[in-house]
Amino acid sequence: MELLQRNWYTIKDVPAVYAFGEYLNDDKKQLKGGTGWLLQLALDTNKTVYVYDIQSKTWYQPFCYRWNEKSEWVKDLHFHLIGSSPRPGP
């Protein structure tokens, strides 16, 4: 419970959260470890969230709703690519 309380005090007064971590799977819906818990809490409290995937060196931004075939909005967390870091090289 102390970790969840720490997460709450970390995000309660901020307008945006920048998370850095690794995804659990290829669908880019969940970060590993405590960062994933903090990210979900930020999304549940309607914070603006940006996620940097360490493995792909890519920035994502989550969207919680999508338009379905019945012409209605449904909650469905998914991440959109918003940019990537330049890769060093020749």
PDB file of N, CA and C in Angstrom:
ATOM      1  N   MET A   1       0.811  -1.190   0.000  1.00  0.00           N
ATOM      2  CA  MET A   1       0.000   0.000   0.000  1.00  0.00           C
ATOM      3  C   MET A   1       0.863   1.266   0.000  1.00  0.00           C
ATOM      4  N   GLU A   2       2.038   1.184   0.619  1.00  0.00           N
ATOM      5  CA  GLU A   2       2.904   2.361   0.674  1.00  0.00           C
ATOM      6  C   GLU A   2       3.368   2.799  -0.712  1.00  0.00           C
ATOM      7  N   LEU A   3       3.599   1.832  -1.598  1.00  0.00           N
ATOM      8  CA  LEU A   3       4.027   2.180  -2.951  1.00  0.00           C
ATOM      9  C   LEU A   3       2.922   2.902  -3.713  1.00  0.00           C
ATOM     10  N   LEU A   4       1.675   2.465  -3.535  1.00  0.00           N
ATOM     11  CA  LEU A   4       0.564   3.145  -4.190  1.00  0.00           C
ATOM     12  C   LEU A   4       0.382   4.556  -3.636  1.00  0.00           C
ATOM     13  N   GLN A   5       0.582   4.718  -2.344  1.00  0.00           N
ATOM     14  CA  GLN A   5       0.501   6.050  -1.744  1.00  0.00           C
ATOM     15  C   GLN A   5       1.607   6.949  -2.290  1.00  0.00           C
ATOM     16  N   ARG A   6       2.793   6.398  -2.422  1.00  0.00           N
ATOM     17  CA  ARG A   6       3.901   7.171  -2.986  1.00  0.00           C
ATOM     18  C   ARG A   6       3.575   7.617  -4.409  1.00  0.00           C
ATOM     19  N   ASN A   7       3.011   6.703  -5.200  1.00  0.00           N
ATOM     20  CA  ASN A   7       2.621   7.046  -6.569  1.00  0.00           C
ATOM     21  C   ASN A   7       1.594   8.177  -6.580  1.00  0.00           C
ATOM     22  N   TRP A   8       0.617   8.117  -5.675  1.00  0.00           N
ATOM     23  CA  TRP A   8      -0.414   9.148  -5.619  1.00  0.00           C
ATOM     24  C   TRP A   8       0.210  10.514  -5.315  1.00  0.00           C
ATOM     25  N   TYR A   9       1.084  10.580  -4.337  1.00  0.00           N
ATOM     26  CA  TYR A   9       1.709  11.854  -3.982  1.00  0.00           C
ATOM     27  C   TYR A   9       2.661  12.336  -5.074  1.00  0.00           C
ATOM     28  N   THR A  10       3.158  11.429  -5.881  1.00  0.00           N
ATOM     29  CA  THR A  10       4.033  11.802  -6.993  1.00  0.00           C
ATOM     30  C   THR A  10       3.255  12.537  -8.079  1.00  0.00           C
ATOM     31  N   ILE A  11       2.020  12.124  -8.353  1.00  0.00           N
ATOM     32  CA  ILE A  11       1.279  12.687  -9.493  1.00  0.00           C
ATOM     33  C   ILE A  11       0.132  13.617  -9.137  1.00  0.00           C
ATOM     34  N   LYS A  12      -0.248  13.710  -7.882  1.00  0.00           N
ATOM     35  CA  LYS A  12      -1.495  14.389  -7.543  1.00  0.00           C
ATOM     36  C   LYS A  12      -1.546  15.860  -7.947  1.00  0.00           C
ATOM     37  N   ASP A  13      -0.437  16.565  -7.956  1.00  0.00           N
ATOM     38  CA  ASP A  13      -0.444  17.998  -8.248  1.00  0.00           C
ATOM     39  C   ASP A  13       0.239  18.371  -9.560  1.00  0.00           C
ATOM     40  N   VAL A  14       0.465  17.418 -10.424  1.00  0.00           N
ATOM     41  CA  VAL A  14       1.157  17.715 -11.683  1.00  0.00           C
ATOM     42  C   VAL A  14       0.177  17.654 -12.855  1.00  0.00           C
ATOM     43  N   PRO A  15       0.405  18.466 -13.887  1.00  0.00           N
ATOM     44  CA  PRO A  15      -0.475  18.423 -15.052  1.00  0.00           C
ATOM     45  C   PRO A  15      -0.115  17.309 -16.048  1.00  0.00           C
ATOM     46  N   ALA A  16       1.147  16.851 -16.005  1.00  0.00           N
ATOM     47  CA  ALA A  16       1.591  15.839 -16.961  1.00  0.00           C
ATOM     48  C   ALA A  16       2.597  14.901 -16.299  1.00  0.00           C
ATOM     49  N   VAL A  17       2.660  13.680 -16.833  1.00  0.00           N
ATOM     50  CA  VAL A  17       3.586  12.664 -16.334  1.00  0.00           C
ATOM     51  C   VAL A  17       4.422  12.162 -17.506  1.00  0.00           C
ATOM     52  N   TYR A  18       5.735  12.132 -17.307  1.00  0.00           N
ATOM     53  CA  TYR A  18       6.659  11.569 -18.284  1.00  0.00           C
ATOM     54  C   TYR A  18       7.198  10.275 -17.696  1.00  0.00           C
ATOM     55  N   ALA A  19       6.923   9.158 -18.348  1.00  0.00           N
ATOM     56  CA  ALA A  19       7.338   7.850 -17.830  1.00  0.00           C
ATOM     57  C   ALA A  19       8.384   7.251 -18.762  1.00  0.00           C
ATOM     58  N   PHE A  20       9.386   6.632 -18.157  1.00  0.00           N
ATOM     59  CA  PHE A  20      10.441   5.955 -18.904  1.00  0.00           C
ATOM     60  C   PHE A  20      10.456   4.511 -18.446  1.00  0.00           C
ATOM     61  N   GLY A  21      10.357   3.564 -19.379  1.00  0.00           N
ATOM     62  CA  GLY A  21      10.340   2.171 -18.976  1.00  0.00           C
ATOM     63  C   GLY A  21      10.331   1.227 -20.155  1.00  0.00           C
ATOM     64  N   GLU A  22      10.086  -0.048 -19.843  1.00  0.00           N
ATOM     65  CA  GLU A  22      10.020  -1.099 -20.852  1.00  0.00           C
ATOM     66  C   GLU A  22       8.617  -1.694 -20.848  1.00  0.00           C
ATOM     67  N   TYR A  23       8.122  -2.005 -22.030  1.00  0.00           N
ATOM     68  CA  TYR A  23       6.793  -2.596 -22.152  1.00  0.00           C
ATOM     69  C   TYR A  23       6.829  -4.081 -21.833  1.00  0.00           C
ATOM     70  N   LEU A  24       5.725  -4.572 -21.258  1.00  0.00           N
ATOM     71  CA  LEU A  24       5.614  -5.995 -20.948  1.00  0.00           C
ATOM     72  C   LEU A  24       5.417  -6.836 -22.199  1.00  0.00           C
ATOM     73  N   ASN A  25       4.738  -6.271 -23.189  1.00  0.00           N
ATOM     74  CA  ASN A  25       4.443  -7.038 -24.400  1.00  0.00           C
ATOM     75  C   ASN A  25       4.440  -6.115 -25.613  1.00  0.00           C
ATOM     76  N   ASP A  26       4.239  -6.695 -26.780  1.00  0.00           N
ATOM     77  CA  ASP A  26       4.347  -5.935 -28.020  1.00  0.00           C
ATOM     78  C   ASP A  26       3.171  -5.007 -28.299  1.00  0.00           C
ATOM     79  N   ASP A  27       2.046  -5.167 -27.581  1.00  0.00           N
ATOM     80  CA  ASP A  27       0.904  -4.310 -27.880  1.00  0.00           C
ATOM     81  C   ASP A  27       1.025  -2.918 -27.262  1.00  0.00           C
ATOM     82  N   LYS A  28       2.105  -2.665 -26.530  1.00  0.00           N
ATOM     83  CA  LYS A  28       2.411  -1.347 -25.968  1.00  0.00           C
ATOM     84  C   LYS A  28       1.288  -0.832 -25.068  1.00  0.00           C
ATOM     85  N   LYS A  29       0.717  -1.713 -24.236  1.00  0.00           N
ATOM     86  CA  LYS A  29      -0.371  -1.292 -23.360  1.00  0.00           C
ATOM     87  C   LYS A  29       0.011  -1.262 -21.890  1.00  0.00           C
ATOM     88  N   GLN A  30       1.169  -1.788 -21.522  1.00  0.00           N
ATOM     89  CA  GLN A  30       1.490  -1.853 -20.100  1.00  0.00           C
ATOM     90  C   GLN A  30       3.001  -1.807 -19.894  1.00  0.00           C
ATOM     91  N   LEU A  31       3.441  -0.911 -19.003  1.00  0.00           N
ATOM     92  CA  LEU A  31       4.858  -0.837 -18.658  1.00  0.00           C
ATOM     93  C   LEU A  31       5.173  -1.786 -17.522  1.00  0.00           C
ATOM     94  N   LYS A  32       6.431  -2.189 -17.436  1.00  0.00           N
ATOM     95  CA  LYS A  32       6.871  -3.085 -16.368  1.00  0.00           C
ATOM     96  C   LYS A  32       6.959  -2.357 -15.041  1.00  0.00           C
ATOM     97  N   GLY A  33       6.726  -3.111 -13.966  1.00  0.00           N
ATOM     98  CA  GLY A  33       7.010  -2.667 -12.602  1.00  0.00           C
ATOM     99  C   GLY A  33       6.194  -1.511 -12.084  1.00  0.00           C
ATOM    100  N   GLY A  34       6.780  -0.815 -11.116  1.00  0.00           N
ATOM    101  CA  GLY A  34       6.113   0.291 -10.461  1.00  0.00           C
ATOM    102  C   GLY A  34       5.787   1.442 -11.391  1.00  0.00           C
ATOM    103  N   THR A  35       6.571   1.615 -12.446  1.00  0.00           N
ATOM    104  CA  THR A  35       6.287   2.664 -13.421  1.00  0.00           C
ATOM    105  C   THR A  35       4.945   2.417 -14.086  1.00  0.00           C
ATOM    106  N   GLY A  36       4.628   1.160 -14.342  1.00  0.00           N
ATOM    107  CA  GLY A  36       3.334   0.813 -14.918  1.00  0.00           C
ATOM    108  C   GLY A  36       2.181   1.168 -13.998  1.00  0.00           C
ATOM    109  N   TRP A  37       2.353   0.938 -12.698  1.00  0.00           N
ATOM    110  CA  TRP A  37       1.323   1.287 -11.721  1.00  0.00           C
ATOM    111  C   TRP A  37       1.130   2.803 -11.673  1.00  0.00           C
ATOM    112  N   LEU A  38       2.233   3.551 -11.660  1.00  0.00           N
ATOM    113  CA  LEU A  38       2.143   5.005 -11.627  1.00  0.00           C
ATOM    114  C   LEU A  38       1.478   5.526 -12.893  1.00  0.00           C
ATOM    115  N   LEU A  39       1.837   4.967 -14.030  1.00  0.00           N
ATOM    116  CA  LEU A  39       1.249   5.370 -15.299  1.00  0.00           C
ATOM    117  C   LEU A  39      -0.260   5.140 -15.298  1.00  0.00           C
ATOM    118  N   GLN A  40      -0.703   3.987 -14.814  1.00  0.00           N
ATOM    119  CA  GLN A  40      -2.135   3.697 -14.792  1.00  0.00           C
ATOM    120  C   GLN A  40      -2.876   4.660 -13.864  1.00  0.00           C
ATOM    121  N   LEU A  41      -2.276   4.983 -12.726  1.00  0.00           N
ATOM    122  CA  LEU A  41      -2.881   5.946 -11.808  1.00  0.00           C
ATOM    123  C   LEU A  41      -2.991   7.321 -12.474  1.00  0.00           C
ATOM    124  N   ALA A  42      -1.967   7.724 -13.197  1.00  0.00           N
ATOM    125  CA  ALA A  42      -1.999   8.999 -13.912  1.00  0.00           C
ATOM    126  C   ALA A  42      -3.110   9.010 -14.960  1.00  0.00           C
ATOM    127  N   LEU A  43      -3.265   7.916 -15.697  1.00  0.00           N
ATOM    128  CA  LEU A  43      -4.331   7.830 -16.691  1.00  0.00           C
ATOM    129  C   LEU A  43      -5.711   7.857 -16.041  1.00  0.00           C
ATOM    130  N   ASP A  44      -5.855   7.161 -14.905  1.00  0.00           N
ATOM    131  CA  ASP A  44      -7.139   7.111 -14.202  1.00  0.00           C
ATOM    132  C   ASP A  44      -7.537   8.471 -13.641  1.00  0.00           C
ATOM    133  N   THR A  45      -6.566   9.351 -13.407  1.00  0.00           N
ATOM    134  CA  THR A  45      -6.858  10.681 -12.867  1.00  0.00           C
ATOM    135  C   THR A  45      -6.763  11.757 -13.955  1.00  0.00           C
ATOM    136  N   ASN A  46      -6.833  11.336 -15.218  1.00  0.00           N
ATOM    137  CA  ASN A  46      -6.899  12.228 -16.381  1.00  0.00           C
ATOM    138  C   ASN A  46      -5.699  13.154 -16.531  1.00  0.00           C
ATOM    139  N   LYS A  47      -4.523  12.647 -16.219  1.00  0.00           N
ATOM    140  CA  LYS A  47      -3.291  13.418 -16.437  1.00  0.00           C
ATOM    141  C   LYS A  47      -2.834  13.216 -17.878  1.00  0.00           C
ATOM    142  N   THR A  48      -2.134  14.193 -18.420  1.00  0.00           N
ATOM    143  CA  THR A  48      -1.484  14.026 -19.713  1.00  0.00           C
ATOM    144  C   THR A  48      -0.265  13.148 -19.483  1.00  0.00           C
ATOM    145  N   VAL A  49      -0.108  12.118 -20.299  1.00  0.00           N
ATOM    146  CA  VAL A  49       0.967  11.145 -20.092  1.00  0.00           C
ATOM    147  C   VAL A  49       1.789  10.993 -21.370  1.00  0.00           C
ATOM    148  N   TYR A  50       3.092  10.962 -21.199  1.00  0.00           N
ATOM    149  CA  TYR A  50       4.023  10.661 -22.276  1.00  0.00           C
ATOM    150  C   TYR A  50       4.884   9.495 -21.810  1.00  0.00           C
ATOM    151  N   VAL A  51       5.114   8.527 -22.695  1.00  0.00           N
ATOM    152  CA  VAL A  51       5.864   7.329 -22.333  1.00  0.00           C
ATOM    153  C   VAL A  51       7.036   7.161 -23.290  1.00  0.00           C
ATOM    154  N   TYR A  52       8.220   6.951 -22.713  1.00  0.00           N
ATOM    155  CA  TYR A  52       9.411   6.672 -23.513  1.00  0.00           C
ATOM    156  C   TYR A  52       9.759   5.203 -23.335  1.00  0.00           C
ATOM    157  N   ASP A  53       9.707   4.448 -24.435  1.00  0.00           N
ATOM    158  CA  ASP A  53      10.067   3.031 -24.406  1.00  0.00           C
ATOM    159  C   ASP A  53      11.576   2.915 -24.574  1.00  0.00           C
ATOM    160  N   ILE A  54      12.244   2.428 -23.542  1.00  0.00           N
ATOM    161  CA  ILE A  54      13.703   2.356 -23.522  1.00  0.00           C
ATOM    162  C   ILE A  54      14.238   1.439 -24.620  1.00  0.00           C
ATOM    163  N   GLN A  55      13.571   0.318 -24.855  1.00  0.00           N
ATOM    164  CA  GLN A  55      14.074  -0.647 -25.842  1.00  0.00           C
ATOM    165  C   GLN A  55      14.034  -0.094 -27.261  1.00  0.00           C
ATOM    166  N   SER A  56      12.932   0.540 -27.656  1.00  0.00           N
ATOM    167  CA  SER A  56      12.822   1.047 -29.026  1.00  0.00           C
ATOM    168  C   SER A  56      13.274   2.496 -29.162  1.00  0.00           C
ATOM    169  N   LYS A  57      13.591   3.142 -28.017  1.00  0.00           N
ATOM    170  CA  LYS A  57      13.998   4.555 -28.003  1.00  0.00           C
ATOM    171  C   LYS A  57      12.944   5.423 -28.685  1.00  0.00           C
ATOM    172  N   THR A  58      11.685   5.205 -28.293  1.00  0.00           N
ATOM    173  CA  THR A  58      10.562   5.856 -28.945  1.00  0.00           C
ATOM    174  C   THR A  58       9.608   6.451 -27.917  1.00  0.00           C
ATOM    175  N   TRP A  59       9.054   7.624 -28.229  1.00  0.00           N
ATOM    176  CA  TRP A  59       8.046   8.265 -27.393  1.00  0.00           C
ATOM    177  C   TRP A  59       6.653   7.858 -27.850  1.00  0.00           C
ATOM    178  N   TYR A  60       5.774   7.614 -26.879  1.00  0.00           N
ATOM    179  CA  TYR A  60       4.374   7.294 -27.155  1.00  0.00           C
ATOM    180  C   TYR A  60       3.482   8.157 -26.277  1.00  0.00           C
ATOM    181  N   GLN A  61       2.256   8.360 -26.747  1.00  0.00           N
ATOM    182  CA  GLN A  61       1.259   9.012 -25.921  1.00  0.00           C
ATOM    183  C   GLN A  61       0.008   8.141 -25.916  1.00  0.00           C
ATOM    184  N   PRO A  62      -0.541   7.874 -24.727  1.00  0.00           N
ATOM    185  CA  PRO A  62      -1.715   7.006 -24.653  1.00  0.00           C
ATOM    186  C   PRO A  62      -3.004   7.734 -25.017  1.00  0.00           C
ATOM    187  N   PHE A  63      -3.901   6.976 -25.598  1.00  0.00           N
ATOM    188  CA  PHE A  63      -5.265   7.423 -25.849  1.00  0.00           C
ATOM    189  C   PHE A  63      -6.183   6.376 -25.259  1.00  0.00           C
ATOM    190  N   CYS A  64      -7.174   6.809 -24.527  1.00  0.00           N
ATOM    191  CA  CYS A  64      -8.010   5.853 -23.792  1.00  0.00           C
ATOM    192  C   CYS A  64      -9.324   5.524 -24.482  1.00  0.00           C
ATOM    193  N   TYR A  65      -9.619   6.162 -25.586  1.00  0.00           N
ATOM    194  CA  TYR A  65     -10.899   5.895 -26.241  1.00  0.00           C
ATOM    195  C   TYR A  65     -10.682   5.685 -27.730  1.00  0.00           C
ATOM    196  N   ARG A  66     -11.555   4.893 -28.310  1.00  0.00           N
ATOM    197  CA  ARG A  66     -11.522   4.716 -29.769  1.00  0.00           C
ATOM    198  C   ARG A  66     -12.957   4.692 -30.284  1.00  0.00           C
ATOM    199  N   TRP A  67     -13.112   5.002 -31.540  1.00  0.00           N
ATOM    200  CA  TRP A  67     -14.405   5.003 -32.210  1.00  0.00           C
ATOM    201  C   TRP A  67     -14.663   3.596 -32.728  1.00  0.00           C
ATOM    202  N   ASN A  68     -15.782   2.972 -32.376  1.00  0.00           N
ATOM    203  CA  ASN A  68     -16.025   1.593 -32.804  1.00  0.00           C
ATOM    204  C   ASN A  68     -16.997   1.523 -33.981  1.00  0.00           C
ATOM    205  N   GLU A  69     -17.269   0.308 -34.413  1.00  0.00           N
ATOM    206  CA  GLU A  69     -18.127   0.092 -35.579  1.00  0.00           C
ATOM    207  C   GLU A  69     -19.584   0.484 -35.336  1.00  0.00           C
ATOM    208  N   LYS A  70     -19.989   0.671 -34.082  1.00  0.00           N
ATOM    209  CA  LYS A  70     -21.361   1.103 -33.753  1.00  0.00           C
ATOM    210  C   LYS A  70     -21.451   2.628 -33.650  1.00  0.00           C
ATOM    211  N   SER A  71     -20.416   3.319 -34.123  1.00  0.00           N
ATOM    212  CA  SER A  71     -20.354   4.775 -34.091  1.00  0.00           C
ATOM    213  C   SER A  71     -20.486   5.330 -32.677  1.00  0.00           C
ATOM    214  N   GLU A  72     -19.672   4.778 -31.774  1.00  0.00           N
ATOM    215  CA  GLU A  72     -19.655   5.263 -30.402  1.00  0.00           C
ATOM    216  C   GLU A  72     -18.235   5.171 -29.856  1.00  0.00           C
ATOM    217  N   TRP A  73     -17.955   5.990 -28.848  1.00  0.00           N
ATOM    218  CA  TRP A  73     -16.647   5.965 -28.207  1.00  0.00           C
ATOM    219  C   TRP A  73     -16.625   4.860 -27.160  1.00  0.00           C
ATOM    220  N   VAL A  74     -15.577   4.054 -27.175  1.00  0.00           N
ATOM    221  CA  VAL A  74     -15.404   3.012 -26.164  1.00  0.00           C
ATOM    222  C   VAL A  74     -14.013   3.148 -25.547  1.00  0.00           C
ATOM    223  N   LYS A  75     -13.922   2.814 -24.260  1.00  0.00           N
ATOM    224  CA  LYS A  75     -12.631   2.903 -23.579  1.00  0.00           C
ATOM    225  C   LYS A  75     -11.739   1.756 -24.047  1.00  0.00           C
ATOM    226  N   ASP A  76     -10.562   2.105 -24.532  1.00  0.00           N
ATOM    227  CA  ASP A  76      -9.614   1.117 -25.038  1.00  0.00           C
ATOM    228  C   ASP A  76      -8.233   1.763 -25.024  1.00  0.00           C
ATOM    229  N   LEU A  77      -7.451   1.454 -24.017  1.00  0.00           N
ATOM    230  CA  LEU A  77      -6.131   2.068 -23.895  1.00  0.00           C
ATOM    231  C   LEU A  77      -5.211   1.571 -25.007  1.00  0.00           C
ATOM    232  N   HIS A  78      -4.671   2.499 -25.760  1.00  0.00           N
ATOM    233  CA  HIS A  78      -3.669   2.171 -26.768  1.00  0.00           C
ATOM    234  C   HIS A  78      -2.721   3.361 -26.887  1.00  0.00           C
ATOM    235  N   PHE A  79      -1.524   3.123 -27.383  1.00  0.00           N
ATOM    236  CA  PHE A  79      -0.499   4.153 -27.456  1.00  0.00           C
ATOM    237  C   PHE A  79      -0.191   4.491 -28.908  1.00  0.00           C
ATOM    238  N   HIS A  80      -0.034   5.773 -29.165  1.00  0.00           N
ATOM    239  CA  HIS A  80       0.333   6.251 -30.496  1.00  0.00           C
ATOM    240  C   HIS A  80       1.769   6.744 -30.471  1.00  0.00           C
ATOM    241  N   LEU A  81       2.495   6.423 -31.501  1.00  0.00           N
ATOM    242  CA  LEU A  81       3.864   6.890 -31.668  1.00  0.00           C
ATOM    243  C   LEU A  81       3.855   8.407 -31.847  1.00  0.00           C
ATOM    244  N   ILE A  82       4.681   9.114 -31.061  1.00  0.00           N
ATOM    245  CA  ILE A  82       4.770  10.568 -31.232  1.00  0.00           C
ATOM    246  C   ILE A  82       6.175  11.027 -31.591  1.00  0.00           C
ATOM    247  N   GLY A  83       7.134  10.118 -31.637  1.00  0.00           N
ATOM    248  CA  GLY A  83       8.485  10.507 -32.043  1.00  0.00           C
ATOM    249  C   GLY A  83       9.514   9.525 -31.547  1.00  0.00           C
ATOM    250  N   SER A  84      10.715   9.644 -32.075  1.00  0.00           N
ATOM    251  CA  SER A  84      11.790   8.771 -31.634  1.00  0.00           C
ATOM    252  C   SER A  84      13.062   9.585 -31.451  1.00  0.00           C
ATOM    253  N   SER A  85      13.957   9.032 -30.669  1.00  0.00           N
ATOM    254  CA  SER A  85      15.237   9.691 -30.429  1.00  0.00           C
ATOM    255  C   SER A  85      16.145   9.482 -31.626  1.00  0.00           C
ATOM    256  N   PRO A  86      16.947  10.481 -31.944  1.00  0.00           N
ATOM    257  CA  PRO A  86      17.915  10.266 -33.019  1.00  0.00           C
ATOM    258  C   PRO A  86      18.932   9.221 -32.576  1.00  0.00           C
ATOM    259  N   ARG A  87      19.275   8.339 -33.468  1.00  0.00           N
ATOM    260  CA  ARG A  87      20.238   7.290 -33.148  1.00  0.00           C
ATOM    261  C   ARG A  87      21.643   7.762 -33.540  1.00  0.00           C
ATOM    262  N   PRO A  88      22.583   7.626 -32.620  1.00  0.00           N
ATOM    263  CA  PRO A  88      23.946   8.047 -32.971  1.00  0.00           C
ATOM    264  C   PRO A  88      24.520   7.154 -34.058  1.00  0.00           C
ATOM    265  N   GLY A  89      25.306   7.729 -34.897  1.00  0.00           N
ATOM    266  CA  GLY A  89      25.912   6.935 -35.966  1.00  0.00           C
ATOM    267  C   GLY A  89      26.722   7.809 -36.892  1.00  0.00           C
ATOM    268  N   PRO A  90      27.329   7.187 -37.862  1.00  0.00           N
ATOM    269  CA  PRO A  90      28.162   7.963 -38.803  1.00  0.00           C
ATOM    270  C   PRO A  90      27.358   8.804 -39.743  1.00  0.00           C
TER     271      PRO A  90
END
